[in-house]
Amino acid sequence: MDFFMSAEIEAGVGDGVRFTREKIEPLMIELLKDVELESGLRGWFFIPIVLSERFIAGVPEVVKVDRKNKALDCRLHIDYETFKEAGEYKQLVMMADAIDRSIGLMDKVKVGQVDQDVLRGVLNKVRNKLFNPNG
């Protein structure tokens, strides 16, 4: 399965989003490369939306599946002010939590529990590598 991260952001959080993406995305790509899901999904696009109250209302959260391309598109909000004020560790936690939330929302697009468990297992390995580098 392919994994791709991008972001919808505004000034003030670019460095933090870039930092978290540089840490999380390569691990997700590596751990998902040989994963095959029961649903047949082959791609997962995760796009955090980190916008202030001024802009967030115009950008809804989205979780959808492109059945033709067998790709999952997840666009989820992360609180702008909290993320902006957080240190690198907390920003990583917030990003990993948003990815976890996207897995939980996959029920809405009929991605089964087995697939969700597989994806959550991959995310847990990523968390372990990020937060427990020696163990």
Protein backbone atom coordinates (compact mmCIF):
# COMPACT_ATOMS: atom_id res chain seq x y z
CA MET A 1 0.00 0.00 0.00
CA ASP A 2 1.24 3.48 -0.83
CA PHE A 3 1.08 6.28 1.74
CA PHE A 4 1.25 9.98 0.97
CA MET A 5 1.11 12.98 3.30
CA SER A 6 0.53 16.57 2.37
CA ALA A 7 -1.16 19.37 4.33
CA GLU A 8 -3.49 22.33 4.19
CA ILE A 9 -1.88 24.90 6.46
CA GLU A 10 -1.44 28.58 7.08
CA ALA A 11 1.52 30.64 8.19
CA GLY A 12 2.77 29.84 11.65
CA VAL A 13 2.63 26.05 11.50
CA GLY A 14 4.62 25.28 8.36
CA ASP A 15 7.80 24.31 10.18
CA GLY A 16 5.95 22.06 12.62
CA VAL A 17 3.95 20.32 9.91
CA ARG A 18 7.09 19.86 7.81
CA PHE A 19 8.95 18.43 10.82
CA THR A 20 6.19 15.92 11.64
CA ARG A 21 5.82 14.92 8.00
CA GLU A 22 9.58 14.31 7.67
CA LYS A 23 9.44 12.02 10.70
CA ILE A 24 6.16 10.17 10.10
CA GLU A 25 5.77 9.84 6.33
CA PRO A 26 8.95 7.81 5.61
CA LEU A 27 8.12 5.36 8.39
CA MET A 28 4.55 4.93 7.17
CA ILE A 29 5.77 4.41 3.60
CA GLU A 30 8.31 1.80 4.68
CA LEU A 31 5.93 -0.12 6.93
CA LEU A 32 3.03 -0.05 4.46
CA LYS A 33 4.95 -0.95 1.30
CA ASP A 34 4.20 -4.69 1.52
CA VAL A 35 0.77 -4.40 3.15
CA GLU A 36 -2.22 -5.75 1.26
CA LEU A 37 -5.65 -4.99 2.65
CA GLU A 38 -8.80 -7.12 2.37
CA SER A 39 -10.57 -4.11 0.86
CA GLY A 40 -8.06 -3.98 -1.99
CA LEU A 41 -7.14 -0.36 -1.22
CA ARG A 42 -3.72 0.45 -2.65
CA GLY A 43 -3.25 4.07 -1.62
CA TRP A 44 -3.78 6.24 1.46
CA PHE A 45 -3.61 10.01 1.23
CA PHE A 46 -3.48 11.68 4.64
CA ILE A 47 -3.82 15.45 4.63
CA PRO A 48 -3.92 17.27 7.97
CA ILE A 49 -5.77 20.58 7.92
CA VAL A 50 -4.07 22.99 10.31
CA LEU A 51 -5.88 26.28 9.87
CA SER A 52 -6.93 28.98 12.33
CA GLU A 53 -10.55 29.74 13.18
CA ARG A 54 -10.49 32.39 10.46
CA PHE A 55 -10.20 29.74 7.73
CA ILE A 56 -11.20 26.35 9.16
CA ALA A 57 -14.96 26.75 8.64
CA GLY A 58 -14.48 26.73 4.88
CA VAL A 59 -12.48 23.50 4.87
CA PRO A 60 -14.48 20.48 6.00
CA GLU A 61 -13.05 17.17 7.13
CA VAL A 62 -13.20 14.47 4.48
CA VAL A 63 -12.84 10.71 4.54
CA LYS A 64 -13.64 9.10 1.20
CA VAL A 65 -12.60 6.23 -1.02
CA ASP A 66 -11.88 6.50 -4.72
CA ARG A 67 -13.07 3.03 -5.72
CA LYS A 68 -11.71 3.33 -9.27
CA ASN A 69 -8.15 4.07 -8.09
CA LYS A 70 -8.53 2.08 -4.86
CA ALA A 71 -7.32 5.02 -2.81
CA LEU A 72 -8.36 6.41 0.54
CA ASP A 73 -8.42 10.18 1.03
CA CYS A 74 -8.40 11.45 4.63
CA ARG A 75 -8.37 15.18 5.39
CA LEU A 76 -8.70 15.91 9.09
CA HIS A 77 -8.50 19.00 11.27
CA ILE A 78 -5.76 19.54 13.82
CA ASP A 79 -6.25 22.45 16.21
CA TYR A 80 -4.15 25.32 14.86
CA GLU A 81 -3.40 27.17 18.10
CA THR A 82 -2.54 24.02 20.05
CA PHE A 83 -0.29 22.75 17.25
CA LYS A 84 1.38 26.14 16.81
CA GLU A 85 2.22 26.42 20.51
CA ALA A 86 3.29 22.78 20.93
CA GLY A 87 6.85 21.55 20.99
CA GLU A 88 8.09 18.98 18.49
CA TYR A 89 7.17 15.97 20.64
CA LYS A 90 3.57 17.16 21.15
CA GLN A 91 3.29 18.01 17.44
CA LEU A 92 4.31 14.43 16.58
CA VAL A 93 1.74 13.11 19.04
CA MET A 94 -0.97 15.34 17.56
CA MET A 95 -0.16 14.22 14.01
CA ALA A 96 -0.08 10.54 14.96
CA ASP A 97 -3.38 10.98 16.82
CA ALA A 98 -4.94 12.54 13.71
CA ILE A 99 -3.79 9.59 11.60
CA ASP A 100 -5.27 7.26 14.22
CA ARG A 101 -8.54 9.20 14.09
CA SER A 102 -8.59 8.79 10.30
CA ILE A 103 -8.37 5.03 10.76
CA GLY A 104 -11.33 5.13 13.15
CA LEU A 105 -13.38 7.07 10.60
CA MET A 106 -12.83 4.45 7.91
CA ASP A 107 -16.02 2.70 9.05
CA LYS A 108 -17.90 5.49 7.29
CA VAL A 109 -16.45 4.45 3.93
CA LYS A 110 -16.87 0.72 4.55
CA VAL A 111 -13.23 -0.11 5.24
CA GLY A 112 -13.54 -3.18 7.44
CA GLN A 113 -12.29 -3.73 10.96
CA VAL A 114 -9.57 -6.15 9.82
CA ASP A 115 -8.08 -3.48 7.53
CA GLN A 116 -8.39 -0.86 10.26
CA ASP A 117 -6.57 -3.17 12.68
CA VAL A 118 -3.76 -3.69 10.15
CA LEU A 119 -3.40 0.07 9.61
CA ARG A 120 -3.54 0.78 13.33
CA GLY A 121 -0.84 -1.86 13.86
CA VAL A 122 1.38 -0.06 11.35
CA LEU A 123 0.71 3.27 13.05
CA ASN A 124 1.56 1.73 16.43
CA LYS A 125 4.91 0.59 15.02
CA VAL A 126 5.51 4.14 13.80
CA ARG A 127 4.65 5.52 17.24
CA ASN A 128 7.01 3.02 18.84
CA LYS A 129 9.88 4.04 16.53
CA LEU A 130 9.22 7.74 17.14
CA PHE A 131 8.59 7.69 20.87
CA ASN A 132 10.55 4.64 22.07
CA PRO A 133 13.69 4.63 19.89
CA ASN A 134 15.49 2.17 22.18
CA GLY A 135 12.69 -0.24 22.73
